[in-house]
Amino acid sequence: MGRSVLPLRAVIFDWGGTLTPWHTFDLAEQWAVYARVVHHDDDRASADLAARIFAAEDAAWQRARTGQGSAHMDDLLREVGADPADALHQAALTAYRQFWEPHTFTDEQVRPLWEGLRERGIRVGILSNTIWPREYHRAMFERDGVLDLIDGDVYSSEIAWTKPHPMAFHASAAALGVEASEAVYVGDRPFEDVHGSQEAGMRAIWVPHSEIPVAQQVSVDVTPDGVAHQLLDILDIVDGWQPR
Protein backbone atom coordinates (compact mmCIF):
# COMPACT_ATOMS: atom_id res chain seq x y z
CA MET A 1 0.00 0.00 0.00
CA GLY A 2 3.00 2.29 -0.01
CA ARG A 3 2.81 3.09 3.70
CA SER A 4 5.96 4.44 5.30
CA VAL A 5 7.49 3.49 8.63
CA LEU A 6 8.14 7.01 9.86
CA PRO A 7 8.14 7.65 13.61
CA LEU A 8 4.63 8.09 14.93
CA ARG A 9 3.47 11.58 15.80
CA ALA A 10 -0.22 10.82 16.42
CA VAL A 11 -2.61 8.06 17.43
CA ILE A 12 -6.18 8.56 16.25
CA PHE A 13 -9.10 6.69 17.79
CA ASP A 14 -12.51 5.49 16.74
CA TRP A 15 -15.12 6.22 19.39
CA GLY A 16 -18.04 3.77 19.70
CA GLY A 17 -16.90 0.25 20.58
CA THR A 18 -13.28 1.37 20.85
CA LEU A 19 -13.10 4.10 23.48
CA THR A 20 -16.43 2.94 24.92
CA PRO A 21 -17.08 -0.67 25.98
CA TRP A 22 -19.27 -2.43 23.40
CA HIS A 23 -22.95 -2.73 24.33
CA THR A 24 -25.57 -4.74 22.44
CA PHE A 25 -29.10 -3.33 22.67
CA ASP A 26 -32.23 -2.60 20.62
CA LEU A 27 -31.24 0.27 18.32
CA ALA A 28 -34.87 0.94 17.40
CA GLU A 29 -35.65 1.81 21.01
CA GLN A 30 -33.58 5.02 20.85
CA TRP A 31 -36.10 6.52 18.44
CA ALA A 32 -39.11 5.06 20.28
CA VAL A 33 -37.93 7.02 23.33
CA TYR A 34 -37.65 10.17 21.21
CA ALA A 35 -41.03 9.70 19.50
CA ARG A 36 -42.94 9.04 22.72
CA VAL A 37 -42.07 12.56 23.86
CA VAL A 38 -43.11 14.16 20.57
CA HIS A 39 -46.42 12.23 20.44
CA HIS A 40 -46.98 11.64 24.14
CA ASP A 41 -50.76 11.26 23.72
CA ASP A 42 -50.86 9.22 20.50
CA ASP A 43 -49.28 5.76 20.53
CA ARG A 44 -49.89 5.15 16.83
CA ALA A 45 -48.28 8.43 15.76
CA SER A 46 -45.40 7.78 18.14
CA ALA A 47 -44.73 4.33 16.70
CA ASP A 48 -44.97 5.67 13.14
CA LEU A 49 -42.50 8.49 13.79
CA ALA A 50 -40.05 6.14 15.51
CA ALA A 51 -40.20 3.70 12.61
CA ARG A 52 -39.65 6.45 10.03
CA ILE A 53 -36.63 7.91 11.84
CA PHE A 54 -35.13 4.47 12.37
CA ALA A 55 -35.54 3.69 8.67
CA ALA A 56 -33.97 7.02 7.69
CA GLU A 57 -31.01 6.41 9.98
CA ASP A 58 -30.56 2.85 8.72
CA ALA A 59 -30.56 4.12 5.13
CA ALA A 60 -27.96 6.74 6.05
CA TRP A 61 -25.66 4.09 7.53
CA GLN A 62 -26.16 1.88 4.49
CA ARG A 63 -25.07 4.82 2.30
CA ALA A 64 -22.07 5.33 4.56
CA ARG A 65 -20.98 1.71 4.14
CA THR A 66 -21.31 1.81 0.35
CA GLY A 67 -20.53 5.38 -0.66
CA GLN A 68 -18.94 6.84 2.49
CA GLY A 69 -21.26 9.85 2.52
CA SER A 70 -21.99 11.46 5.88
CA ALA A 71 -25.23 12.40 7.65
CA HIS A 72 -26.28 14.64 10.54
CA MET A 73 -29.04 13.91 13.03
CA ASP A 74 -30.85 17.19 12.33
CA ASP A 75 -31.02 16.38 8.62
CA LEU A 76 -32.46 12.92 9.34
CA LEU A 77 -35.14 14.43 11.55
CA ARG A 78 -36.06 17.04 8.94
CA GLU A 79 -36.25 14.23 6.37
CA VAL A 80 -39.14 12.65 8.30
CA GLY A 81 -40.87 15.95 9.02
CA ALA A 82 -39.55 16.66 12.51
CA ASP A 83 -38.44 20.18 13.41
CA PRO A 84 -35.13 20.30 15.33
CA ALA A 85 -35.98 23.86 16.44
CA ASP A 86 -39.29 22.86 18.03
CA ALA A 87 -39.53 22.85 21.83
CA LEU A 88 -40.89 19.30 21.82
CA HIS A 89 -37.82 18.21 19.86
CA GLN A 90 -35.56 19.56 22.58
CA ALA A 91 -37.45 17.59 25.23
CA ALA A 92 -37.39 14.49 23.03
CA LEU A 93 -33.68 14.94 22.43
CA THR A 94 -33.11 15.03 26.19
CA ALA A 95 -34.92 11.71 26.52
CA TYR A 96 -32.92 10.32 23.60
CA ARG A 97 -29.63 11.28 25.21
CA GLN A 98 -30.71 9.85 28.56
CA PHE A 99 -31.36 6.57 26.75
CA TRP A 100 -27.85 6.63 25.28
CA GLU A 101 -25.98 7.74 28.39
CA PRO A 102 -25.26 4.25 29.83
CA HIS A 103 -23.74 3.28 26.47
CA THR A 104 -21.42 6.27 26.12
CA PHE A 105 -19.09 6.07 29.10
CA THR A 106 -15.39 6.13 28.32
CA ASP A 107 -13.33 3.02 29.05
CA GLU A 108 -11.34 3.39 32.27
CA GLN A 109 -8.08 2.67 30.42
CA VAL A 110 -8.45 5.69 28.14
CA ARG A 111 -7.00 8.32 30.47
CA PRO A 112 -3.82 6.38 31.39
CA LEU A 113 -3.40 5.42 27.74
CA TRP A 114 -3.72 8.97 26.50
CA GLU A 115 -1.47 10.28 29.26
CA GLY A 116 1.11 7.66 28.25
CA LEU A 117 0.93 8.71 24.60
CA ARG A 118 1.33 12.38 25.47
CA GLU A 119 4.30 11.59 27.71
CA ARG A 120 5.88 10.06 24.60
CA GLY A 121 5.22 13.24 22.64
CA ILE A 122 2.45 11.63 20.61
CA ARG A 123 -0.73 13.57 19.79
CA VAL A 124 -4.16 12.12 20.51
CA GLY A 125 -6.96 12.36 17.97
CA ILE A 126 -10.55 11.21 17.43
CA LEU A 127 -12.22 10.25 14.15
CA SER A 128 -15.74 8.92 14.58
CA ASN A 129 -18.50 7.90 12.19
CA THR A 130 -21.50 9.55 13.80
CA ILE A 131 -24.72 11.40 13.14
CA TRP A 132 -24.33 13.30 16.41
CA PRO A 133 -22.95 16.86 16.58
CA ARG A 134 -19.46 17.65 17.82
CA GLU A 135 -20.80 19.27 20.99
CA TYR A 136 -22.49 16.05 22.11
CA HIS A 137 -19.32 13.99 21.79
CA ARG A 138 -17.14 16.59 23.46
CA ALA A 139 -19.59 16.85 26.35
CA MET A 140 -19.21 13.10 26.95
CA PHE A 141 -15.42 13.34 26.94
CA GLU A 142 -15.65 16.27 29.35
CA ARG A 143 -18.07 14.35 31.61
CA ASP A 144 -15.56 11.49 31.77
CA GLY A 145 -12.56 13.71 32.46
CA VAL A 146 -10.56 13.11 29.27
CA LEU A 147 -11.42 16.06 27.01
CA ASP A 148 -8.24 17.89 28.03
CA LEU A 149 -6.12 15.10 26.51
CA ILE A 150 -7.57 15.35 22.99
CA ASP A 151 -5.41 17.30 20.53
CA GLY A 152 -7.81 17.16 17.58
CA ASP A 153 -11.19 15.58 16.90
CA VAL A 154 -13.17 15.06 13.71
CA TYR A 155 -16.73 13.74 13.45
CA SER A 156 -18.28 12.54 10.20
CA SER A 157 -21.41 14.58 10.92
CA GLU A 158 -19.39 17.73 10.25
CA ILE A 159 -17.52 16.62 7.11
CA ALA A 160 -18.61 15.15 3.77
CA TRP A 161 -17.24 11.64 4.31
CA THR A 162 -17.43 8.67 6.63
CA LYS A 163 -14.83 6.00 7.23
CA PRO A 164 -13.43 4.18 5.29
CA HIS A 165 -13.15 7.05 2.80
CA PRO A 166 -9.50 8.19 2.76
CA MET A 167 -10.53 11.84 3.00
CA ALA A 168 -12.03 11.25 6.45
CA PHE A 169 -8.67 9.97 7.69
CA HIS A 170 -6.78 12.78 6.00
CA ALA A 171 -9.10 15.31 7.65
CA SER A 172 -8.28 13.76 11.01
CA ALA A 173 -4.54 13.86 10.36
CA ALA A 174 -4.82 17.49 9.26
CA ALA A 175 -6.64 18.37 12.49
CA LEU A 176 -3.58 17.10 14.36
CA GLY A 177 -1.06 18.79 12.09
CA VAL A 178 0.51 15.51 10.92
CA GLU A 179 0.78 13.49 7.73
CA ALA A 180 -1.21 10.27 7.41
CA SER A 181 2.05 8.31 7.32
CA GLU A 182 2.91 9.70 10.76
CA ALA A 183 -0.31 8.44 12.35
CA VAL A 184 -1.83 5.17 13.48
CA TYR A 185 -5.55 4.58 13.67
CA VAL A 186 -7.21 2.48 16.37
CA GLY A 187 -10.63 0.91 15.89
CA ASP A 188 -12.81 -2.14 16.35
CA ARG A 189 -14.08 -2.62 12.77
CA PRO A 190 -11.98 -4.32 10.09
CA PHE A 191 -13.62 -2.51 7.15
CA GLU A 192 -14.14 1.04 8.38
CA ASP A 193 -11.15 1.24 10.71
CA VAL A 194 -8.39 -1.13 9.61
CA HIS A 195 -8.97 -1.19 5.85
CA GLY A 196 -9.89 2.49 5.72
CA SER A 197 -6.90 3.81 7.62
CA GLN A 198 -4.42 1.61 5.78
CA GLU A 199 -5.80 2.76 2.43
CA ALA A 200 -5.26 6.34 3.63
CA GLY A 201 -1.59 5.60 4.39
CA MET A 202 -1.81 5.08 8.15
CA ARG A 203 -0.88 2.09 10.24
CA ALA A 204 -3.84 0.38 11.90
CA ILE A 205 -4.38 -1.19 15.31
CA TRP A 206 -7.42 -3.43 15.62
CA VAL A 207 -9.24 -3.71 18.96
CA PRO A 208 -11.29 -6.93 18.55
CA HIS A 209 -13.69 -6.61 21.46
CA SER A 210 -16.97 -5.62 19.75
CA GLU A 211 -19.84 -7.88 18.70
CA ILE A 212 -20.64 -6.00 15.50
CA PRO A 213 -24.14 -6.81 14.18
CA VAL A 214 -24.13 -8.88 11.00
CA ALA A 215 -26.07 -6.19 9.14
CA GLN A 216 -23.27 -3.71 9.87
CA GLN A 217 -20.41 -5.94 8.81
CA VAL A 218 -18.61 -5.54 5.50
CA SER A 219 -16.44 -8.46 4.37
CA VAL A 220 -12.87 -7.40 3.74
CA ASP A 221 -9.52 -9.19 3.51
CA VAL A 222 -7.28 -7.10 5.71
CA THR A 223 -4.44 -7.57 8.19
CA PRO A 224 -3.96 -4.97 10.93
CA ASP A 225 -0.47 -3.72 11.75
CA GLY A 226 -1.14 -4.43 15.40
CA VAL A 227 -3.80 -5.98 17.64
CA ALA A 228 -4.69 -4.58 21.06
CA HIS A 229 -6.75 -6.89 23.25
CA GLN A 230 -7.07 -4.08 25.77
CA LEU A 231 -6.50 -0.40 25.18
CA LEU A 232 -3.34 -0.16 27.27
CA ASP A 233 -1.69 -2.69 24.91
CA ILE A 234 -1.42 0.21 22.47
CA LEU A 235 1.47 1.72 24.43
CA ASP A 236 3.61 -1.39 23.91
CA ILE A 237 2.68 -1.54 20.22
CA VAL A 238 3.58 2.09 19.70
CA ASP A 239 6.85 1.72 21.59
CA GLY A 240 7.79 -1.16 19.28
CA TRP A 241 7.35 1.10 16.25
CA GLN A 242 9.42 4.01 17.49
CA PRO A 243 13.15 4.43 16.67
CA ARG A 244 15.52 3.14 19.32
Foldseek 3Di string as FASTA:
>chain_A
DPFDLDAAQAEEEEAACFQFPADDDDPLVLQLLLLCLVCVPDNVSSVVLSVQLVVLVVVQLVCCVPPFFAAASCVSCVVSPHHCVDPSNVVSVVRSVVVCVVRRAGDPCVQVQLVLCVVVNHAYEYEYEDNYDPVVNLVRCVVNPRSVSHQFYDYSNVDGGAFLALVSLQVGCVRNPHQLSNYEYEEAACRRFCVSSVVNNHAYEHAPRYPDDPVNHDDDDGDHPYYDPHSNVVSVVSVVSHDD
